[in-house]
Amino acid sequence: MATDLFDHLAEDNIPEPPDGFDQEFHARLNRTLLTIQTFEMCIRALPWFLRHFSQAVVGAIRFTMTGQYEDPDKPEFK
């Protein structure tokens, strides 16, 4: 039975896709990828960046104001 199905499908004429099919497909795919990557950057990468960058900025400001680095004997809060 499976052979009959494959033989039948091999004999059928399959129409060609429309002319703009590839362009439409790529436009939808690119739009979807851009949306997903932008969302992921805002949700995952941006908070991570802001956390680590703000630590460096606060450290630079603290050093500028006090003229010394943090006391290494002081316990860190995590």
PDB file of N, CA and C in Angstrom:
ATOM      1  N   MET A   1       0.810  -1.180   0.000  1.00  0.00           N
ATOM      2  CA  MET A   1       0.000   0.000   0.000  1.00  0.00           C
ATOM      3  C   MET A   1       0.864   1.259   0.000  1.00  0.00           C
ATOM      4  N   ALA A   2       1.947   1.248   0.785  1.00  0.00           N
ATOM      5  CA  ALA A   2       2.810   2.420   0.830  1.00  0.00           C
ATOM      6  C   ALA A   2       3.437   2.674  -0.531  1.00  0.00           C
ATOM      7  N   THR A   3       3.736   1.617  -1.268  1.00  0.00           N
ATOM      8  CA  THR A   3       4.326   1.790  -2.586  1.00  0.00           C
ATOM      9  C   THR A   3       3.327   2.425  -3.543  1.00  0.00           C
ATOM     10  N   ASP A   4       2.061   2.029  -3.444  1.00  0.00           N
ATOM     11  CA  ASP A   4       1.049   2.628  -4.306  1.00  0.00           C
ATOM     12  C   ASP A   4       0.917   4.119  -4.036  1.00  0.00           C
ATOM     13  N   LEU A   5       0.971   4.510  -2.784  1.00  0.00           N
ATOM     14  CA  LEU A   5       0.861   5.915  -2.425  1.00  0.00           C
ATOM     15  C   LEU A   5       2.034   6.703  -2.998  1.00  0.00           C
ATOM     16  N   PHE A   6       3.227   6.153  -2.855  1.00  0.00           N
ATOM     17  CA  PHE A   6       4.399   6.855  -3.371  1.00  0.00           C
ATOM     18  C   PHE A   6       4.379   6.921  -4.889  1.00  0.00           C
ATOM     19  N   ASP A   7       3.945   5.856  -5.528  1.00  0.00           N
ATOM     20  CA  ASP A   7       3.829   5.865  -6.989  1.00  0.00           C
ATOM     21  C   ASP A   7       2.806   6.907  -7.433  1.00  0.00           C
ATOM     22  N   HIS A   8       1.707   6.996  -6.722  1.00  0.00           N
ATOM     23  CA  HIS A   8       0.666   7.963  -7.056  1.00  0.00           C
ATOM     24  C   HIS A   8       1.193   9.400  -6.894  1.00  0.00           C
ATOM     25  N   LEU A   9       1.913   9.639  -5.804  1.00  0.00           N
ATOM     26  CA  LEU A   9       2.470  10.969  -5.582  1.00  0.00           C
ATOM     27  C   LEU A   9       3.544  11.315  -6.609  1.00  0.00           C
ATOM     28  N   ALA A  10       4.293  10.320  -7.069  1.00  0.00           N
ATOM     29  CA  ALA A  10       5.333  10.565  -8.062  1.00  0.00           C
ATOM     30  C   ALA A  10       4.738  10.956  -9.405  1.00  0.00           C
ATOM     31  N   GLU A  11       3.543  10.475  -9.700  1.00  0.00           N
ATOM     32  CA  GLU A  11       2.920  10.770 -10.979  1.00  0.00           C
ATOM     33  C   GLU A  11       2.158  12.091 -10.976  1.00  0.00           C
ATOM     34  N   ASP A  12       1.776  12.598  -9.802  1.00  0.00           N
ATOM     35  CA  ASP A  12       1.011  13.842  -9.735  1.00  0.00           C
ATOM     36  C   ASP A  12       1.872  15.032 -10.137  1.00  0.00           C
ATOM     37  N   ASN A  13       1.250  15.981 -10.803  1.00  0.00           N
ATOM     38  CA  ASN A  13       1.938  17.227 -11.153  1.00  0.00           C
ATOM     39  C   ASN A  13       1.794  18.201  -9.988  1.00  0.00           C
ATOM     40  N   ILE A  14       2.919  18.706  -9.536  1.00  0.00           N
ATOM     41  CA  ILE A  14       2.918  19.656  -8.430  1.00  0.00           C
ATOM     42  C   ILE A  14       3.162  21.029  -9.028  1.00  0.00           C
ATOM     43  N   PRO A  15       2.277  21.975  -8.751  1.00  0.00           N
ATOM     44  CA  PRO A  15       2.451  23.300  -9.346  1.00  0.00           C
ATOM     45  C   PRO A  15       3.665  24.018  -8.757  1.00  0.00           C
ATOM     46  N   GLU A  16       4.252  24.900  -9.536  1.00  0.00           N
ATOM     47  CA  GLU A  16       5.386  25.702  -9.085  1.00  0.00           C
ATOM     48  C   GLU A  16       4.899  26.728  -8.057  1.00  0.00           C
ATOM     49  N   PRO A  17       5.744  27.069  -7.102  1.00  0.00           N
ATOM     50  CA  PRO A  17       5.328  28.091  -6.132  1.00  0.00           C
ATOM     51  C   PRO A  17       5.208  29.458  -6.825  1.00  0.00           C
ATOM     52  N   PRO A  18       4.432  30.357  -6.251  1.00  0.00           N
ATOM     53  CA  PRO A  18       4.295  31.688  -6.847  1.00  0.00           C
ATOM     54  C   PRO A  18       5.645  32.406  -6.928  1.00  0.00           C
ATOM     55  N   ASP A  19       5.718  33.417  -7.787  1.00  0.00           N
ATOM     56  CA  ASP A  19       6.992  34.116  -8.014  1.00  0.00           C
ATOM     57  C   ASP A  19       7.542  34.771  -6.753  1.00  0.00           C
ATOM     58  N   GLY A  20       6.711  35.401  -5.962  1.00  0.00           N
ATOM     59  CA  GLY A  20       7.172  36.107  -4.779  1.00  0.00           C
ATOM     60  C   GLY A  20       7.204  35.253  -3.529  1.00  0.00           C
ATOM     61  N   PHE A  21       7.105  33.934  -3.677  1.00  0.00           N
ATOM     62  CA  PHE A  21       7.037  33.045  -2.512  1.00  0.00           C
ATOM     63  C   PHE A  21       8.291  33.163  -1.654  1.00  0.00           C
ATOM     64  N   ASP A  22       9.479  33.099  -2.262  1.00  0.00           N
ATOM     65  CA  ASP A  22      10.721  33.157  -1.500  1.00  0.00           C
ATOM     66  C   ASP A  22      10.876  34.501  -0.802  1.00  0.00           C
ATOM     67  N   GLN A  23      10.533  35.571  -1.474  1.00  0.00           N
ATOM     68  CA  GLN A  23      10.665  36.899  -0.874  1.00  0.00           C
ATOM     69  C   GLN A  23       9.706  37.054   0.303  1.00  0.00           C
ATOM     70  N   GLU A  24       8.475  36.591   0.145  1.00  0.00           N
ATOM     71  CA  GLU A  24       7.512  36.673   1.241  1.00  0.00           C
ATOM     72  C   GLU A  24       7.973  35.828   2.432  1.00  0.00           C
ATOM     73  N   PHE A  25       8.470  34.631   2.123  1.00  0.00           N
ATOM     74  CA  PHE A  25       8.942  33.739   3.183  1.00  0.00           C
ATOM     75  C   PHE A  25      10.096  34.378   3.945  1.00  0.00           C
ATOM     76  N   HIS A  26      11.077  34.913   3.227  1.00  0.00           N
ATOM     77  CA  HIS A  26      12.232  35.525   3.878  1.00  0.00           C
ATOM     78  C   HIS A  26      11.828  36.779   4.659  1.00  0.00           C
ATOM     79  N   ALA A  27      10.895  37.542   4.142  1.00  0.00           N
ATOM     80  CA  ALA A  27      10.435  38.740   4.860  1.00  0.00           C
ATOM     81  C   ALA A  27       9.776  38.345   6.184  1.00  0.00           C
ATOM     82  N   ARG A  28       8.918  37.317   6.159  1.00  0.00           N
ATOM     83  CA  ARG A  28       8.271  36.869   7.398  1.00  0.00           C
ATOM     84  C   ARG A  28       9.283  36.280   8.363  1.00  0.00           C
ATOM     85  N   LEU A  29      10.226  35.484   7.843  1.00  0.00           N
ATOM     86  CA  LEU A  29      11.238  34.866   8.695  1.00  0.00           C
ATOM     87  C   LEU A  29      12.130  35.923   9.327  1.00  0.00           C
ATOM     88  N   ASN A  30      12.579  36.901   8.534  1.00  0.00           N
ATOM     89  CA  ASN A  30      13.437  37.954   9.076  1.00  0.00           C
ATOM     90  C   ASN A  30      12.707  38.776  10.125  1.00  0.00           C
ATOM     91  N   ARG A  31      11.445  39.073   9.890  1.00  0.00           N
ATOM     92  CA  ARG A  31      10.661  39.840  10.854  1.00  0.00           C
ATOM     93  C   ARG A  31      10.522  39.060  12.164  1.00  0.00           C
ATOM     94  N   THR A  32      10.270  37.768  12.056  1.00  0.00           N
ATOM     95  CA  THR A  32      10.129  36.924  13.250  1.00  0.00           C
ATOM     96  C   THR A  32      11.452  36.826  14.016  1.00  0.00           C
ATOM     97  N   LEU A  33      12.545  36.603  13.291  1.00  0.00           N
ATOM     98  CA  LEU A  33      13.848  36.508  13.951  1.00  0.00           C
ATOM     99  C   LEU A  33      14.228  37.822  14.627  1.00  0.00           C
ATOM    100  N   LEU A  34      13.967  38.936  13.962  1.00  0.00           N
ATOM    101  CA  LEU A  34      14.275  40.233  14.556  1.00  0.00           C
ATOM    102  C   LEU A  34      13.464  40.451  15.832  1.00  0.00           C
ATOM    103  N   THR A  35      12.201  40.081  15.805  1.00  0.00           N
ATOM    104  CA  THR A  35      11.344  40.235  16.986  1.00  0.00           C
ATOM    105  C   THR A  35      11.839  39.372  18.137  1.00  0.00           C
ATOM    106  N   ILE A  36      12.155  38.131  17.861  1.00  0.00           N
ATOM    107  CA  ILE A  36      12.608  37.207  18.904  1.00  0.00           C
ATOM    108  C   ILE A  36      13.946  37.662  19.485  1.00  0.00           C
ATOM    109  N   GLN A  37      14.879  38.054  18.619  1.00  0.00           N
ATOM    110  CA  GLN A  37      16.191  38.459  19.110  1.00  0.00           C
ATOM    111  C   GLN A  37      16.132  39.768  19.890  1.00  0.00           C
ATOM    112  N   THR A  38      15.299  40.695  19.468  1.00  0.00           N
ATOM    113  CA  THR A  38      15.140  41.951  20.201  1.00  0.00           C
ATOM    114  C   THR A  38      14.525  41.687  21.571  1.00  0.00           C
ATOM    115  N   PHE A  39      13.506  40.844  21.611  1.00  0.00           N
ATOM    116  CA  PHE A  39      12.863  40.487  22.880  1.00  0.00           C
ATOM    117  C   PHE A  39      13.864  39.816  23.816  1.00  0.00           C
ATOM    118  N   GLU A  40      14.637  38.877  23.291  1.00  0.00           N
ATOM    119  CA  GLU A  40      15.618  38.177  24.120  1.00  0.00           C
ATOM    120  C   GLU A  40      16.698  39.121  24.626  1.00  0.00           C
ATOM    121  N   MET A  41      17.131  40.061  23.782  1.00  0.00           N
ATOM    122  CA  MET A  41      18.140  41.018  24.218  1.00  0.00           C
ATOM    123  C   MET A  41      17.605  41.889  25.350  1.00  0.00           C
ATOM    124  N   CYS A  42      16.361  42.340  25.224  1.00  0.00           N
ATOM    125  CA  CYS A  42      15.788  43.208  26.253  1.00  0.00           C
ATOM    126  C   CYS A  42      15.530  42.450  27.552  1.00  0.00           C
ATOM    127  N   ILE A  43      15.146  41.205  27.456  1.00  0.00           N
ATOM    128  CA  ILE A  43      14.792  40.431  28.650  1.00  0.00           C
ATOM    129  C   ILE A  43      16.013  39.822  29.331  1.00  0.00           C
ATOM    130  N   ARG A  44      16.981  39.353  28.550  1.00  0.00           N
ATOM    131  CA  ARG A  44      18.103  38.638  29.152  1.00  0.00           C
ATOM    132  C   ARG A  44      19.409  39.424  29.158  1.00  0.00           C
ATOM    133  N   ALA A  45      19.794  39.990  28.029  1.00  0.00           N
ATOM    134  CA  ALA A  45      21.120  40.592  27.924  1.00  0.00           C
ATOM    135  C   ALA A  45      21.184  41.985  28.550  1.00  0.00           C
ATOM    136  N   LEU A  46      20.165  42.789  28.355  1.00  0.00           N
ATOM    137  CA  LEU A  46      20.199  44.158  28.859  1.00  0.00           C
ATOM    138  C   LEU A  46      20.267  44.224  30.387  1.00  0.00           C
ATOM    139  N   PRO A  47      19.466  43.460  31.128  1.00  0.00           N
ATOM    140  CA  PRO A  47      19.620  43.486  32.599  1.00  0.00           C
ATOM    141  C   PRO A  47      20.996  43.008  33.060  1.00  0.00           C
ATOM    142  N   TRP A  48      21.538  41.982  32.400  1.00  0.00           N
ATOM    143  CA  TRP A  48      22.867  41.497  32.757  1.00  0.00           C
ATOM    144  C   TRP A  48      23.900  42.591  32.514  1.00  0.00           C
ATOM    145  N   PHE A  49      23.819  43.249  31.369  1.00  0.00           N
ATOM    146  CA  PHE A  49      24.752  44.320  31.038  1.00  0.00           C
ATOM    147  C   PHE A  49      24.636  45.470  32.041  1.00  0.00           C
ATOM    148  N   LEU A  50      23.416  45.891  32.328  1.00  0.00           N
ATOM    149  CA  LEU A  50      23.228  47.013  33.244  1.00  0.00           C
ATOM    150  C   LEU A  50      23.752  46.697  34.639  1.00  0.00           C
ATOM    151  N   ARG A  51      23.556  45.467  35.078  1.00  0.00           N
ATOM    152  CA  ARG A  51      24.042  45.081  36.409  1.00  0.00           C
ATOM    153  C   ARG A  51      25.559  45.185  36.490  1.00  0.00           C
ATOM    154  N   HIS A  52      26.257  44.610  35.526  1.00  0.00           N
ATOM    155  CA  HIS A  52      27.711  44.587  35.569  1.00  0.00           C
ATOM    156  C   HIS A  52      28.314  45.950  35.234  1.00  0.00           C
ATOM    157  N   PHE A  53      27.717  46.652  34.295  1.00  0.00           N
ATOM    158  CA  PHE A  53      28.230  47.963  33.939  1.00  0.00           C
ATOM    159  C   PHE A  53      28.019  48.957  35.070  1.00  0.00           C
ATOM    160  N   SER A  54      26.885  48.862  35.748  1.00  0.00           N
ATOM    161  CA  SER A  54      26.619  49.797  36.845  1.00  0.00           C
ATOM    162  C   SER A  54      27.597  49.570  37.997  1.00  0.00           C
ATOM    163  N   GLN A  55      28.014  48.329  38.222  1.00  0.00           N
ATOM    164  CA  GLN A  55      29.011  48.077  39.265  1.00  0.00           C
ATOM    165  C   GLN A  55      30.316  48.792  38.945  1.00  0.00           C
ATOM    166  N   ALA A  56      30.717  48.781  37.681  1.00  0.00           N
ATOM    167  CA  ALA A  56      31.951  49.464  37.283  1.00  0.00           C
ATOM    168  C   ALA A  56      31.799  50.976  37.401  1.00  0.00           C
ATOM    169  N   VAL A  57      30.658  51.500  36.992  1.00  0.00           N
ATOM    170  CA  VAL A  57      30.431  52.948  37.073  1.00  0.00           C
ATOM    171  C   VAL A  57      30.390  53.394  38.529  1.00  0.00           C
ATOM    172  N   VAL A  58      29.699  52.670  39.377  1.00  0.00           N
ATOM    173  CA  VAL A  58      29.634  53.022  40.795  1.00  0.00           C
ATOM    174  C   VAL A  58      31.025  52.945  41.418  1.00  0.00           C
ATOM    175  N   GLY A  59      31.805  51.940  41.051  1.00  0.00           N
ATOM    176  CA  GLY A  59      33.171  51.832  41.561  1.00  0.00           C
ATOM    177  C   GLY A  59      34.034  53.001  41.115  1.00  0.00           C
ATOM    178  N   ALA A  60      33.876  53.431  39.864  1.00  0.00           N
ATOM    179  CA  ALA A  60      34.651  54.572  39.378  1.00  0.00           C
ATOM    180  C   ALA A  60      34.241  55.857  40.080  1.00  0.00           C
ATOM    181  N   ILE A  61      32.964  56.048  40.288  1.00  0.00           N
ATOM    182  CA  ILE A  61      32.477  57.242  40.994  1.00  0.00           C
ATOM    183  C   ILE A  61      32.943  57.231  42.443  1.00  0.00           C
ATOM    184  N   ARG A  62      32.865  56.073  43.073  1.00  0.00           N
ATOM    185  CA  ARG A  62      33.299  55.952  44.467  1.00  0.00           C
ATOM    186  C   ARG A  62      34.796  56.249  44.600  1.00  0.00           C
ATOM    187  N   PHE A  63      35.592  55.744  43.642  1.00  0.00           N
ATOM    188  CA  PHE A  63      37.030  56.005  43.676  1.00  0.00           C
ATOM    189  C   PHE A  63      37.311  57.489  43.430  1.00  0.00           C
ATOM    190  N   THR A  64      36.548  58.106  42.514  1.00  0.00           N
ATOM    191  CA  THR A  64      36.725  59.527  42.234  1.00  0.00           C
ATOM    192  C   THR A  64      36.403  60.369  43.459  1.00  0.00           C
ATOM    193  N   MET A  65      35.361  60.019  44.168  1.00  0.00           N
ATOM    194  CA  MET A  65      34.935  60.805  45.329  1.00  0.00           C
ATOM    195  C   MET A  65      35.844  60.589  46.552  1.00  0.00           C
ATOM    196  N   THR A  66      36.231  59.361  46.792  1.00  0.00           N
ATOM    197  CA  THR A  66      36.984  59.062  48.011  1.00  0.00           C
ATOM    198  C   THR A  66      38.486  58.972  47.779  1.00  0.00           C
ATOM    199  N   GLY A  67      38.913  58.675  46.570  1.00  0.00           N
ATOM    200  CA  GLY A  67      40.343  58.543  46.286  1.00  0.00           C
ATOM    201  C   GLY A  67      40.919  57.211  46.702  1.00  0.00           C
ATOM    202  N   GLN A  68      40.069  56.263  47.067  1.00  0.00           N
ATOM    203  CA  GLN A  68      40.549  54.933  47.446  1.00  0.00           C
ATOM    204  C   GLN A  68      39.548  53.873  46.982  1.00  0.00           C
ATOM    205  N   TYR A  69      40.091  52.689  46.811  1.00  0.00           N
ATOM    206  CA  TYR A  69      39.240  51.572  46.403  1.00  0.00           C
ATOM    207  C   TYR A  69      38.446  51.064  47.601  1.00  0.00           C
ATOM    208  N   GLU A  70      37.533  50.149  47.339  1.00  0.00           N
ATOM    209  CA  GLU A  70      36.749  49.568  48.434  1.00  0.00           C
ATOM    210  C   GLU A  70      37.667  48.838  49.396  1.00  0.00           C
ATOM    211  N   ASP A  71      37.266  48.779  50.642  1.00  0.00           N
ATOM    212  CA  ASP A  71      38.026  48.074  51.666  1.00  0.00           C
ATOM    213  C   ASP A  71      37.865  46.568  51.439  1.00  0.00           C
ATOM    214  N   PRO A  72      38.956  45.847  51.179  1.00  0.00           N
ATOM    215  CA  PRO A  72      38.828  44.395  50.906  1.00  0.00           C
ATOM    216  C   PRO A  72      38.414  43.599  52.131  1.00  0.00           C
ATOM    217  N   ASP A  73      38.572  44.161  53.355  1.00  0.00           N
ATOM    218  CA  ASP A  73      38.165  43.441  54.563  1.00  0.00           C
ATOM    219  C   ASP A  73      36.660  43.509  54.790  1.00  0.00           C
ATOM    220  N   LYS A  74      36.022  44.464  54.148  1.00  0.00           N
ATOM    221  CA  LYS A  74      34.563  44.607  54.308  1.00  0.00           C
ATOM    222  C   LYS A  74      33.865  43.481  53.539  1.00  0.00           C
ATOM    223  N   PRO A  75      32.918  42.781  54.173  1.00  0.00           N
ATOM    224  CA  PRO A  75      32.245  41.673  53.483  1.00  0.00           C
ATOM    225  C   PRO A  75      31.375  42.202  52.327  1.00  0.00           C
ATOM    226  N   GLU A  76      31.321  41.421  51.262  1.00  0.00           N
ATOM    227  CA  GLU A  76      30.502  41.794  50.096  1.00  0.00           C
ATOM    228  C   GLU A  76      29.111  41.218  50.264  1.00  0.00           C
ATOM    229  N   PHE A  77      28.163  41.960  49.776  1.00  0.00           N
ATOM    230  CA  PHE A  77      26.786  41.484  49.753  1.00  0.00           C
ATOM    231  C   PHE A  77      26.501  40.901  48.389  1.00  0.00           C
ATOM    232  N   LYS A  78      25.948  39.702  48.360  1.00  0.00           N
ATOM    233  CA  LYS A  78      25.626  39.067  47.072  1.00  0.00           C
ATOM    234  C   LYS A  78      24.191  38.709  46.997  1.00  0.00           C
TER     235      LYS A  78
END
